[in-house]
Amino acid sequence: MKTTAATISNDVLPLFQAFSEPYRLQVIELLRERELCACDIANHLGISASKLSFHLKTLREAGLIQGRQEGRWIYYRLNLPQFVVLEQYVSEFRRLSPILPARNCPS
């Protein structure tokens, strides 16, 4: 499958943007083991609820996490199918990109 600029922008770019911030990577790492409520995530990271809210919103918009409300609390978990999208995109580089020998640049 040949990837176009539109495919990169619409499908993969938000994923890479979501991974570009250390707090968001830490949230993803925390959610690898289990579902957590926002207050537990904020406590573990040592950040305010409002700062965490921005990062959770970015991760939700990229489709990397999902939330479920239980009473007053929202519990977050990884959205694993979206990680498959990223995995498939990255694996195409290994599978479909030719490995050419380095060329010497003329000086």
PDB file of N, CA and C in Angstrom:
ATOM      1  N   MET A   1       0.846  -1.165   0.000  1.00  0.00           N
ATOM      2  CA  MET A   1       0.000   0.000   0.000  1.00  0.00           C
ATOM      3  C   MET A   1       0.890   1.226   0.000  1.00  0.00           C
ATOM      4  N   LYS A   2       0.701   2.106  -0.933  1.00  0.00           N
ATOM      5  CA  LYS A   2       1.476   3.328  -1.018  1.00  0.00           C
ATOM      6  C   LYS A   2       0.827   4.391  -0.143  1.00  0.00           C
ATOM      7  N   THR A   3       1.626   5.055   0.667  1.00  0.00           N
ATOM      8  CA  THR A   3       1.127   6.053   1.588  1.00  0.00           C
ATOM      9  C   THR A   3       1.203   7.420   0.936  1.00  0.00           C
ATOM     10  N   THR A   4       0.108   8.160   1.022  1.00  0.00           N
ATOM     11  CA  THR A   4       0.077   9.515   0.477  1.00  0.00           C
ATOM     12  C   THR A   4       0.176  10.519   1.605  1.00  0.00           C
ATOM     13  N   ALA A   5       0.444  11.780   1.247  1.00  0.00           N
ATOM     14  CA  ALA A   5       0.520  12.838   2.250  1.00  0.00           C
ATOM     15  C   ALA A   5      -0.801  12.960   3.011  1.00  0.00           C
ATOM     16  N   ALA A   6      -1.919  12.777   2.319  1.00  0.00           N
ATOM     17  CA  ALA A   6      -3.231  12.866   2.968  1.00  0.00           C
ATOM     18  C   ALA A   6      -3.389  11.760   4.009  1.00  0.00           C
ATOM     19  N   THR A   7      -2.940  10.550   3.694  1.00  0.00           N
ATOM     20  CA  THR A   7      -3.028   9.437   4.637  1.00  0.00           C
ATOM     21  C   THR A   7      -2.187   9.722   5.866  1.00  0.00           C
ATOM     22  N   ILE A   8      -0.990  10.242   5.659  1.00  0.00           N
ATOM     23  CA  ILE A   8      -0.116  10.558   6.780  1.00  0.00           C
ATOM     24  C   ILE A   8      -0.786  11.593   7.672  1.00  0.00           C
ATOM     25  N   SER A   9      -1.304  12.644   7.086  1.00  0.00           N
ATOM     26  CA  SER A   9      -1.915  13.716   7.870  1.00  0.00           C
ATOM     27  C   SER A   9      -3.139  13.232   8.629  1.00  0.00           C
ATOM     28  N   ASN A  10      -4.018  12.515   7.971  1.00  0.00           N
ATOM     29  CA  ASN A  10      -5.289  12.146   8.585  1.00  0.00           C
ATOM     30  C   ASN A  10      -5.191  10.979   9.555  1.00  0.00           C
ATOM     31  N   ASP A  11      -4.332  10.028   9.280  1.00  0.00           N
ATOM     32  CA  ASP A  11      -4.303   8.811  10.085  1.00  0.00           C
ATOM     33  C   ASP A  11      -3.163   8.765  11.097  1.00  0.00           C
ATOM     34  N   VAL A  12      -1.986   9.198  10.695  1.00  0.00           N
ATOM     35  CA  VAL A  12      -0.800   8.953  11.500  1.00  0.00           C
ATOM     36  C   VAL A  12      -0.267  10.200  12.194  1.00  0.00           C
ATOM     37  N   LEU A  13      -0.393  11.342  11.584  1.00  0.00           N
ATOM     38  CA  LEU A  13       0.175  12.561  12.164  1.00  0.00           C
ATOM     39  C   LEU A  13      -0.333  12.839  13.573  1.00  0.00           C
ATOM     40  N   PRO A  14      -1.636  12.732  13.852  1.00  0.00           N
ATOM     41  CA  PRO A  14      -2.087  12.956  15.234  1.00  0.00           C
ATOM     42  C   PRO A  14      -1.472  11.981  16.235  1.00  0.00           C
ATOM     43  N   LEU A  15      -1.157  10.777  15.779  1.00  0.00           N
ATOM     44  CA  LEU A  15      -0.529   9.796  16.671  1.00  0.00           C
ATOM     45  C   LEU A  15       0.870  10.248  17.051  1.00  0.00           C
ATOM     46  N   PHE A  16       1.649  10.662  16.057  1.00  0.00           N
ATOM     47  CA  PHE A  16       3.003  11.122  16.344  1.00  0.00           C
ATOM     48  C   PHE A  16       2.979  12.394  17.185  1.00  0.00           C
ATOM     49  N   GLN A  17       2.031  13.271  16.928  1.00  0.00           N
ATOM     50  CA  GLN A  17       1.915  14.483  17.744  1.00  0.00           C
ATOM     51  C   GLN A  17       1.591  14.127  19.192  1.00  0.00           C
ATOM     52  N   ALA A  18       0.725  13.153  19.385  1.00  0.00           N
ATOM     53  CA  ALA A  18       0.366  12.734  20.739  1.00  0.00           C
ATOM     54  C   ALA A  18       1.566  12.141  21.468  1.00  0.00           C
ATOM     55  N   PHE A  19       2.432  11.432  20.751  1.00  0.00           N
ATOM     56  CA  PHE A  19       3.613  10.825  21.354  1.00  0.00           C
ATOM     57  C   PHE A  19       4.744  11.827  21.588  1.00  0.00           C
ATOM     58  N   SER A  20       4.594  13.054  21.117  1.00  0.00           N
ATOM     59  CA  SER A  20       5.698  14.013  21.152  1.00  0.00           C
ATOM     60  C   SER A  20       5.877  14.708  22.497  1.00  0.00           C
ATOM     61  N   GLU A  21       5.057  14.413  23.475  1.00  0.00           N
ATOM     62  CA  GLU A  21       5.127  15.093  24.774  1.00  0.00           C
ATOM     63  C   GLU A  21       5.380  14.071  25.879  1.00  0.00           C
ATOM     64  N   PRO A  22       6.384  14.320  26.730  1.00  0.00           N
ATOM     65  CA  PRO A  22       6.718  13.338  27.767  1.00  0.00           C
ATOM     66  C   PRO A  22       5.567  12.955  28.697  1.00  0.00           C
ATOM     67  N   TYR A  23       4.722  13.895  29.110  1.00  0.00           N
ATOM     68  CA  TYR A  23       3.607  13.531  29.987  1.00  0.00           C
ATOM     69  C   TYR A  23       2.654  12.557  29.297  1.00  0.00           C
ATOM     70  N   ARG A  24       2.413  12.761  28.018  1.00  0.00           N
ATOM     71  CA  ARG A  24       1.503  11.863  27.294  1.00  0.00           C
ATOM     72  C   ARG A  24       2.103  10.468  27.173  1.00  0.00           C
ATOM     73  N   LEU A  25       3.412  10.393  26.969  1.00  0.00           N
ATOM     74  CA  LEU A  25       4.070   9.080  26.939  1.00  0.00           C
ATOM     75  C   LEU A  25       3.960   8.398  28.300  1.00  0.00           C
ATOM     76  N   GLN A  26       4.091   9.167  29.359  1.00  0.00           N
ATOM     77  CA  GLN A  26       3.964   8.594  30.699  1.00  0.00           C
ATOM     78  C   GLN A  26       2.544   8.097  30.955  1.00  0.00           C
ATOM     79  N   VAL A  27       1.557   8.821  30.473  1.00  0.00           N
ATOM     80  CA  VAL A  27       0.161   8.376  30.607  1.00  0.00           C
ATOM     81  C   VAL A  27      -0.020   7.045  29.883  1.00  0.00           C
ATOM     82  N   ILE A  28       0.498   6.958  28.663  1.00  0.00           N
ATOM     83  CA  ILE A  28       0.382   5.714  27.892  1.00  0.00           C
ATOM     84  C   ILE A  28       1.057   4.566  28.629  1.00  0.00           C
ATOM     85  N   GLU A  29       2.232   4.822  29.194  1.00  0.00           N
ATOM     86  CA  GLU A  29       2.924   3.776  29.960  1.00  0.00           C
ATOM     87  C   GLU A  29       2.098   3.336  31.171  1.00  0.00           C
ATOM     88  N   LEU A  30       1.501   4.288  31.876  1.00  0.00           N
ATOM     89  CA  LEU A  30       0.671   3.940  33.035  1.00  0.00           C
ATOM     90  C   LEU A  30      -0.518   3.073  32.627  1.00  0.00           C
ATOM     91  N   LEU A  31      -1.101   3.373  31.486  1.00  0.00           N
ATOM     92  CA  LEU A  31      -2.302   2.660  31.045  1.00  0.00           C
ATOM     93  C   LEU A  31      -1.987   1.311  30.407  1.00  0.00           C
ATOM     94  N   ARG A  32      -0.726   1.012  30.221  1.00  0.00           N
ATOM     95  CA  ARG A  32      -0.354  -0.302  29.673  1.00  0.00           C
ATOM     96  C   ARG A  32      -0.769  -1.420  30.619  1.00  0.00           C
ATOM     97  N   GLU A  33      -0.699  -1.147  31.907  1.00  0.00           N
ATOM     98  CA  GLU A  33      -0.960  -2.185  32.894  1.00  0.00           C
ATOM     99  C   GLU A  33      -2.424  -2.322  33.269  1.00  0.00           C
ATOM    100  N   ARG A  34      -3.133  -1.167  33.345  1.00  0.00           N
ATOM    101  CA  ARG A  34      -4.537  -1.235  33.765  1.00  0.00           C
ATOM    102  C   ARG A  34      -5.232   0.092  33.498  1.00  0.00           C
ATOM    103  N   GLU A  35      -6.521   0.030  33.575  1.00  0.00           N
ATOM    104  CA  GLU A  35      -7.371   1.211  33.470  1.00  0.00           C
ATOM    105  C   GLU A  35      -7.187   2.051  34.736  1.00  0.00           C
ATOM    106  N   LEU A  36      -7.129   3.383  34.562  1.00  0.00           N
ATOM    107  CA  LEU A  36      -6.947   4.279  35.699  1.00  0.00           C
ATOM    108  C   LEU A  36      -7.875   5.475  35.593  1.00  0.00           C
ATOM    109  N   CYS A  37      -8.269   6.022  36.742  1.00  0.00           N
ATOM    110  CA  CYS A  37      -9.048   7.257  36.719  1.00  0.00           C
ATOM    111  C   CYS A  37      -8.085   8.439  36.602  1.00  0.00           C
ATOM    112  N   ALA A  38      -8.616   9.556  36.157  1.00  0.00           N
ATOM    113  CA  ALA A  38      -7.799  10.741  35.924  1.00  0.00           C
ATOM    114  C   ALA A  38      -7.085  11.181  37.194  1.00  0.00           C
ATOM    115  N   CYS A  39      -7.747  11.088  38.343  1.00  0.00           N
ATOM    116  CA  CYS A  39      -7.107  11.533  39.588  1.00  0.00           C
ATOM    117  C   CYS A  39      -5.897  10.669  39.925  1.00  0.00           C
ATOM    118  N   ASP A  40      -5.975   9.368  39.666  1.00  0.00           N
ATOM    119  CA  ASP A  40      -4.820   8.493  39.912  1.00  0.00           C
ATOM    120  C   ASP A  40      -3.666   8.819  38.969  1.00  0.00           C
ATOM    121  N   ILE A  41      -3.993   9.114  37.714  1.00  0.00           N
ATOM    122  CA  ILE A  41      -2.952   9.473  36.737  1.00  0.00           C
ATOM    123  C   ILE A  41      -2.273  10.768  37.163  1.00  0.00           C
ATOM    124  N   ALA A  42      -3.071  11.770  37.530  1.00  0.00           N
ATOM    125  CA  ALA A  42      -2.518  13.058  37.949  1.00  0.00           C
ATOM    126  C   ALA A  42      -1.636  12.897  39.182  1.00  0.00           C
ATOM    127  N   ASN A  43      -2.081  12.126  40.141  1.00  0.00           N
ATOM    128  CA  ASN A  43      -1.282  11.887  41.354  1.00  0.00           C
ATOM    129  C   ASN A  43       0.034  11.197  41.027  1.00  0.00           C
ATOM    130  N   HIS A  44      -0.024  10.192  40.173  1.00  0.00           N
ATOM    131  CA  HIS A  44       1.184   9.449  39.816  1.00  0.00           C
ATOM    132  C   HIS A  44       2.193  10.350  39.093  1.00  0.00           C
ATOM    133  N   LEU A  45       1.702  11.227  38.217  1.00  0.00           N
ATOM    134  CA  LEU A  45       2.589  12.110  37.458  1.00  0.00           C
ATOM    135  C   LEU A  45       2.983  13.364  38.230  1.00  0.00           C
ATOM    136  N   GLY A  46       2.254  13.663  39.309  1.00  0.00           N
ATOM    137  CA  GLY A  46       2.548  14.853  40.090  1.00  0.00           C
ATOM    138  C   GLY A  46       2.186  16.143  39.368  1.00  0.00           C
ATOM    139  N   ILE A  47       1.075  16.115  38.614  1.00  0.00           N
ATOM    140  CA  ILE A  47       0.625  17.314  37.905  1.00  0.00           C
ATOM    141  C   ILE A  47      -0.819  17.617  38.284  1.00  0.00           C
ATOM    142  N   SER A  48      -1.237  18.839  37.989  1.00  0.00           N
ATOM    143  CA  SER A  48      -2.599  19.253  38.320  1.00  0.00           C
ATOM    144  C   SER A  48      -3.606  18.574  37.388  1.00  0.00           C
ATOM    145  N   ALA A  49      -4.827  18.515  37.847  1.00  0.00           N
ATOM    146  CA  ALA A  49      -5.909  17.932  37.044  1.00  0.00           C
ATOM    147  C   ALA A  49      -6.114  18.716  35.756  1.00  0.00           C
ATOM    148  N   SER A  50      -5.977  20.038  35.803  1.00  0.00           N
ATOM    149  CA  SER A  50      -6.189  20.841  34.591  1.00  0.00           C
ATOM    150  C   SER A  50      -5.093  20.593  33.565  1.00  0.00           C
ATOM    151  N   LYS A  51      -3.849  20.438  34.020  1.00  0.00           N
ATOM    152  CA  LYS A  51      -2.758  20.146  33.089  1.00  0.00           C
ATOM    153  C   LYS A  51      -2.946  18.753  32.483  1.00  0.00           C
ATOM    154  N   LEU A  52      -3.323  17.795  33.306  1.00  0.00           N
ATOM    155  CA  LEU A  52      -3.565  16.441  32.814  1.00  0.00           C
ATOM    156  C   LEU A  52      -4.711  16.426  31.824  1.00  0.00           C
ATOM    157  N   SER A  53      -5.744  17.200  32.080  1.00  0.00           N
ATOM    158  CA  SER A  53      -6.916  17.234  31.214  1.00  0.00           C
ATOM    159  C   SER A  53      -6.540  17.562  29.772  1.00  0.00           C
ATOM    160  N   PHE A  54      -5.632  18.518  29.603  1.00  0.00           N
ATOM    161  CA  PHE A  54      -5.175  18.883  28.256  1.00  0.00           C
ATOM    162  C   PHE A  54      -4.508  17.690  27.569  1.00  0.00           C
ATOM    163  N   HIS A  55      -3.671  16.976  28.296  1.00  0.00           N
ATOM    164  CA  HIS A  55      -2.958  15.841  27.709  1.00  0.00           C
ATOM    165  C   HIS A  55      -3.899  14.678  27.412  1.00  0.00           C
ATOM    166  N   LEU A  56      -4.859  14.444  28.304  1.00  0.00           N
ATOM    167  CA  LEU A  56      -5.834  13.382  28.055  1.00  0.00           C
ATOM    168  C   LEU A  56      -6.675  13.698  26.821  1.00  0.00           C
ATOM    169  N   LYS A  57      -7.026  14.969  26.672  1.00  0.00           N
ATOM    170  CA  LYS A  57      -7.805  15.381  25.494  1.00  0.00           C
ATOM    171  C   LYS A  57      -7.023  15.107  24.214  1.00  0.00           C
ATOM    172  N   THR A  58      -5.750  15.425  24.206  1.00  0.00           N
ATOM    173  CA  THR A  58      -4.905  15.183  23.036  1.00  0.00           C
ATOM    174  C   THR A  58      -4.829  13.688  22.721  1.00  0.00           C
ATOM    175  N   LEU A  59      -4.655  12.880  23.743  1.00  0.00           N
ATOM    176  CA  LEU A  59      -4.583  11.431  23.542  1.00  0.00           C
ATOM    177  C   LEU A  59      -5.915  10.857  23.061  1.00  0.00           C
ATOM    178  N   ARG A  60      -7.025  11.389  23.593  1.00  0.00           N
ATOM    179  CA  ARG A  60      -8.354  10.939  23.132  1.00  0.00           C
ATOM    180  C   ARG A  60      -8.579  11.324  21.679  1.00  0.00           C
ATOM    181  N   GLU A  61      -8.244  12.557  21.327  1.00  0.00           N
ATOM    182  CA  GLU A  61      -8.448  13.020  19.948  1.00  0.00           C
ATOM    183  C   GLU A  61      -7.607  12.227  18.955  1.00  0.00           C
ATOM    184  N   ALA A  62      -6.442  11.763  19.380  1.00  0.00           N
ATOM    185  CA  ALA A  62      -5.603  10.917  18.521  1.00  0.00           C
ATOM    186  C   ALA A  62      -6.121   9.483  18.488  1.00  0.00           C
ATOM    187  N   GLY A  63      -7.088   9.180  19.350  1.00  0.00           N
ATOM    188  CA  GLY A  63      -7.660   7.839  19.392  1.00  0.00           C
ATOM    189  C   GLY A  63      -6.826   6.843  20.163  1.00  0.00           C
ATOM    190  N   LEU A  64      -5.806   7.307  20.900  1.00  0.00           N
ATOM    191  CA  LEU A  64      -4.928   6.396  21.623  1.00  0.00           C
ATOM    192  C   LEU A  64      -5.509   5.912  22.939  1.00  0.00           C
ATOM    193  N   ILE A  65      -6.410   6.690  23.536  1.00  0.00           N
ATOM    194  CA  ILE A  65      -7.058   6.261  24.772  1.00  0.00           C
ATOM    195  C   ILE A  65      -8.562   6.446  24.653  1.00  0.00           C
ATOM    196  N   GLN A  66      -9.269   5.738  25.512  1.00  0.00           N
ATOM    197  CA  GLN A  66     -10.720   5.862  25.608  1.00  0.00           C
ATOM    198  C   GLN A  66     -11.074   6.060  27.077  1.00  0.00           C
ATOM    199  N   GLY A  67     -12.158   6.767  27.308  1.00  0.00           N
ATOM    200  CA  GLY A  67     -12.618   6.982  28.670  1.00  0.00           C
ATOM    201  C   GLY A  67     -13.998   6.383  28.874  1.00  0.00           C
ATOM    202  N   ARG A  68     -14.239   5.976  30.105  1.00  0.00           N
ATOM    203  CA  ARG A  68     -15.555   5.467  30.477  1.00  0.00           C
ATOM    204  C   ARG A  68     -15.917   6.086  31.806  1.00  0.00           C
ATOM    205  N   GLN A  69     -17.125   6.598  31.864  1.00  0.00           N
ATOM    206  CA  GLN A  69     -17.566   7.261  33.087  1.00  0.00           C
ATOM    207  C   GLN A  69     -18.224   6.259  34.015  1.00  0.00           C
ATOM    208  N   GLU A  70     -17.843   6.356  35.287  1.00  0.00           N
ATOM    209  CA  GLU A  70     -18.448   5.536  36.337  1.00  0.00           C
ATOM    210  C   GLU A  70     -18.699   6.471  37.515  1.00  0.00           C
ATOM    211  N   GLY A  71     -19.940   6.858  37.676  1.00  0.00           N
ATOM    212  CA  GLY A  71     -20.267   7.855  38.694  1.00  0.00           C
ATOM    213  C   GLY A  71     -19.656   9.191  38.312  1.00  0.00           C
ATOM    214  N   ARG A  72     -18.927   9.784  39.244  1.00  0.00           N
ATOM    215  CA  ARG A  72     -18.282  11.074  38.957  1.00  0.00           C
ATOM    216  C   ARG A  72     -16.935  10.919  38.272  1.00  0.00           C
ATOM    217  N   TRP A  73     -16.408   9.711  38.214  1.00  0.00           N
ATOM    218  CA  TRP A  73     -15.052   9.489  37.731  1.00  0.00           C
ATOM    219  C   TRP A  73     -15.031   9.009  36.290  1.00  0.00           C
ATOM    220  N   ILE A  74     -13.973   9.383  35.590  1.00  0.00           N
ATOM    221  CA  ILE A  74     -13.738   8.861  34.245  1.00  0.00           C
ATOM    222  C   ILE A  74     -12.504   7.982  34.312  1.00  0.00           C
ATOM    223  N   TYR A  75     -12.654   6.769  33.849  1.00  0.00           N
ATOM    224  CA  TYR A  75     -11.557   5.802  33.826  1.00  0.00           C
ATOM    225  C   TYR A  75     -11.036   5.694  32.402  1.00  0.00           C
ATOM    226  N   TYR A  76      -9.715   5.747  32.265  1.00  0.00           N
ATOM    227  CA  TYR A  76      -9.084   5.721  30.946  1.00  0.00           C
ATOM    228  C   TYR A  76      -8.367   4.403  30.726  1.00  0.00           C
ATOM    229  N   ARG A  77      -8.353   3.991  29.467  1.00  0.00           N
ATOM    230  CA  ARG A  77      -7.655   2.775  29.041  1.00  0.00           C
ATOM    231  C   ARG A  77      -7.103   3.009  27.638  1.00  0.00           C
ATOM    232  N   LEU A  78      -6.158   2.180  27.248  1.00  0.00           N
ATOM    233  CA  LEU A  78      -5.600   2.274  25.904  1.00  0.00           C
ATOM    234  C   LEU A  78      -6.624   1.806  24.887  1.00  0.00           C
ATOM    235  N   ASN A  79      -6.611   2.422  23.727  1.00  0.00           N
ATOM    236  CA  ASN A  79      -7.429   2.000  22.592  1.00  0.00           C
ATOM    237  C   ASN A  79      -6.495   1.236  21.655  1.00  0.00           C
ATOM    238  N   LEU A  80      -6.338  -0.047  21.893  1.00  0.00           N
ATOM    239  CA  LEU A  80      -5.331  -0.851  21.205  1.00  0.00           C
ATOM    240  C   LEU A  80      -5.462  -0.882  19.683  1.00  0.00           C
ATOM    241  N   PRO A  81      -6.669  -0.857  19.103  1.00  0.00           N
ATOM    242  CA  PRO A  81      -6.735  -0.832  17.637  1.00  0.00           C
ATOM    243  C   PRO A  81      -5.999   0.369  17.017  1.00  0.00           C
ATOM    244  N   GLN A  82      -5.951   1.477  17.716  1.00  0.00           N
ATOM    245  CA  GLN A  82      -5.240   2.644  17.177  1.00  0.00           C
ATOM    246  C   GLN A  82      -3.724   2.413  17.191  1.00  0.00           C
ATOM    247  N   PHE A  83      -3.246   1.618  18.129  1.00  0.00           N
ATOM    248  CA  PHE A  83      -1.824   1.276  18.155  1.00  0.00           C
ATOM    249  C   PHE A  83      -1.487   0.360  16.976  1.00  0.00           C
ATOM    250  N   VAL A  84      -2.441  -0.430  16.531  1.00  0.00           N
ATOM    251  CA  VAL A  84      -2.241  -1.276  15.359  1.00  0.00           C
ATOM    252  C   VAL A  84      -2.042  -0.402  14.118  1.00  0.00           C
ATOM    253  N   VAL A  85      -2.807   0.678  14.008  1.00  0.00           N
ATOM    254  CA  VAL A  85      -2.653   1.609  12.885  1.00  0.00           C
ATOM    255  C   VAL A  85      -1.222   2.136  12.850  1.00  0.00           C
ATOM    256  N   LEU A  86      -0.720   2.548  13.990  1.00  0.00           N
ATOM    257  CA  LEU A  86       0.644   3.064  14.077  1.00  0.00           C
ATOM    258  C   LEU A  86       1.665   1.980  13.756  1.00  0.00           C
ATOM    259  N   GLU A  87       1.451   0.807  14.307  1.00  0.00           N
ATOM    260  CA  GLU A  87       2.360  -0.319  14.068  1.00  0.00           C
ATOM    261  C   GLU A  87       2.424  -0.671  12.586  1.00  0.00           C
ATOM    262  N   GLN A  88       1.287  -0.686  11.920  1.00  0.00           N
ATOM    263  CA  GLN A  88       1.264  -1.001  10.490  1.00  0.00           C
ATOM    264  C   GLN A  88       1.982   0.066   9.680  1.00  0.00           C
ATOM    265  N   TYR A  89       1.795   1.319  10.041  1.00  0.00           N
ATOM    266  CA  TYR A  89       2.466   2.412   9.328  1.00  0.00           C
ATOM    267  C   TYR A  89       3.987   2.280   9.453  1.00  0.00           C
ATOM    268  N   VAL A  90       4.464   2.058  10.667  1.00  0.00           N
ATOM    269  CA  VAL A  90       5.904   1.959  10.891  1.00  0.00           C
ATOM    270  C   VAL A  90       6.467   0.694  10.249  1.00  0.00           C
ATOM    271  N   SER A  91       5.738  -0.397  10.302  1.00  0.00           N
ATOM    272  CA  SER A  91       6.254  -1.649   9.738  1.00  0.00           C
ATOM    273  C   SER A  91       6.423  -1.576   8.226  1.00  0.00           C
ATOM    274  N   GLU A  92       5.675  -0.698   7.567  1.00  0.00           N
ATOM    275  CA  GLU A  92       5.839  -0.551   6.119  1.00  0.00           C
ATOM    276  C   GLU A  92       7.216  -0.036   5.741  1.00  0.00           C
ATOM    277  N   PHE A  93       7.832   0.733   6.610  1.00  0.00           N
ATOM    278  CA  PHE A  93       9.187   1.204   6.321  1.00  0.00           C
ATOM    279  C   PHE A  93      10.149   0.035   6.246  1.00  0.00           C
ATOM    280  N   ARG A  94      10.040  -0.873   7.187  1.00  0.00           N
ATOM    281  CA  ARG A  94      10.917  -2.039   7.207  1.00  0.00           C
ATOM    282  C   ARG A  94      10.611  -2.974   6.052  1.00  0.00           C
ATOM    283  N   ARG A  95       9.355  -3.143   5.769  1.00  0.00           N
ATOM    284  CA  ARG A  95       8.924  -4.112   4.772  1.00  0.00           C
ATOM    285  C   ARG A  95       9.077  -3.615   3.339  1.00  0.00           C
ATOM    286  N   LEU A  96       8.792  -2.343   3.093  1.00  0.00           N
ATOM    287  CA  LEU A  96       8.691  -1.859   1.716  1.00  0.00           C
ATOM    288  C   LEU A  96       9.788  -0.898   1.279  1.00  0.00           C
ATOM    289  N   SER A  97      10.573  -0.404   2.191  1.00  0.00           N
ATOM    290  CA  SER A  97      11.596   0.566   1.810  1.00  0.00           C
ATOM    291  C   SER A  97      12.864  -0.153   1.383  1.00  0.00           C
ATOM    292  N   PRO A  98      13.383   0.212   0.218  1.00  0.00           N
ATOM    293  CA  PRO A  98      14.639  -0.416  -0.202  1.00  0.00           C
ATOM    294  C   PRO A  98      15.790   0.138   0.637  1.00  0.00           C
ATOM    295  N   ILE A  99      16.708  -0.737   0.952  1.00  0.00           N
ATOM    296  CA  ILE A  99      17.898  -0.295   1.678  1.00  0.00           C
ATOM    297  C   ILE A  99      19.000  -0.178   0.639  1.00  0.00           C
ATOM    298  N   LEU A 100      19.313   1.050   0.335  1.00  0.00           N
ATOM    299  CA  LEU A 100      20.312   1.320  -0.677  1.00  0.00           C
ATOM    300  C   LEU A 100      21.642   1.647  -0.026  1.00  0.00           C
ATOM    301  N   PRO A 101      22.729   1.307  -0.703  1.00  0.00           N
ATOM    302  CA  PRO A 101      24.023   1.674  -0.140  1.00  0.00           C
ATOM    303  C   PRO A 101      24.179   3.196  -0.110  1.00  0.00           C
ATOM    304  N   ALA A 102      24.924   3.675   0.869  1.00  0.00           N
ATOM    305  CA  ALA A 102      25.166   5.110   0.980  1.00  0.00           C
ATOM    306  C   ALA A 102      26.004   5.575  -0.206  1.00  0.00           C
ATOM    307  N   ARG A 103      25.662   6.768  -0.679  1.00  0.00           N
ATOM    308  CA  ARG A 103      26.448   7.359  -1.772  1.00  0.00           C
ATOM    309  C   ARG A 103      27.398   8.383  -1.188  1.00  0.00           C
ATOM    310  N   ASN A 104      28.557   8.478  -1.802  1.00  0.00           N
ATOM    311  CA  ASN A 104      29.482   9.525  -1.403  1.00  0.00           C
ATOM    312  C   ASN A 104      29.087  10.805  -2.114  1.00  0.00           C
ATOM    313  N   CYS A 105      28.945  11.861  -1.348  1.00  0.00           N
ATOM    314  CA  CYS A 105      28.598  13.155  -1.931  1.00  0.00           C
ATOM    315  C   CYS A 105      29.862  13.783  -2.516  1.00  0.00           C
ATOM    316  N   PRO A 106      29.737  14.345  -3.714  1.00  0.00           N
ATOM    317  CA  PRO A 106      30.906  15.020  -4.277  1.00  0.00           C
ATOM    318  C   PRO A 106      31.214  16.270  -3.472  1.00  0.00           C
ATOM    319  N   SER A 107      32.471  16.465  -3.167  1.00  0.00           N
ATOM    320  CA  SER A 107      32.868  17.646  -2.391  1.00  0.00           C
ATOM    321  C   SER A 107      33.246  18.795  -3.289  1.00  0.00           C
TER     322      SER A 107
END
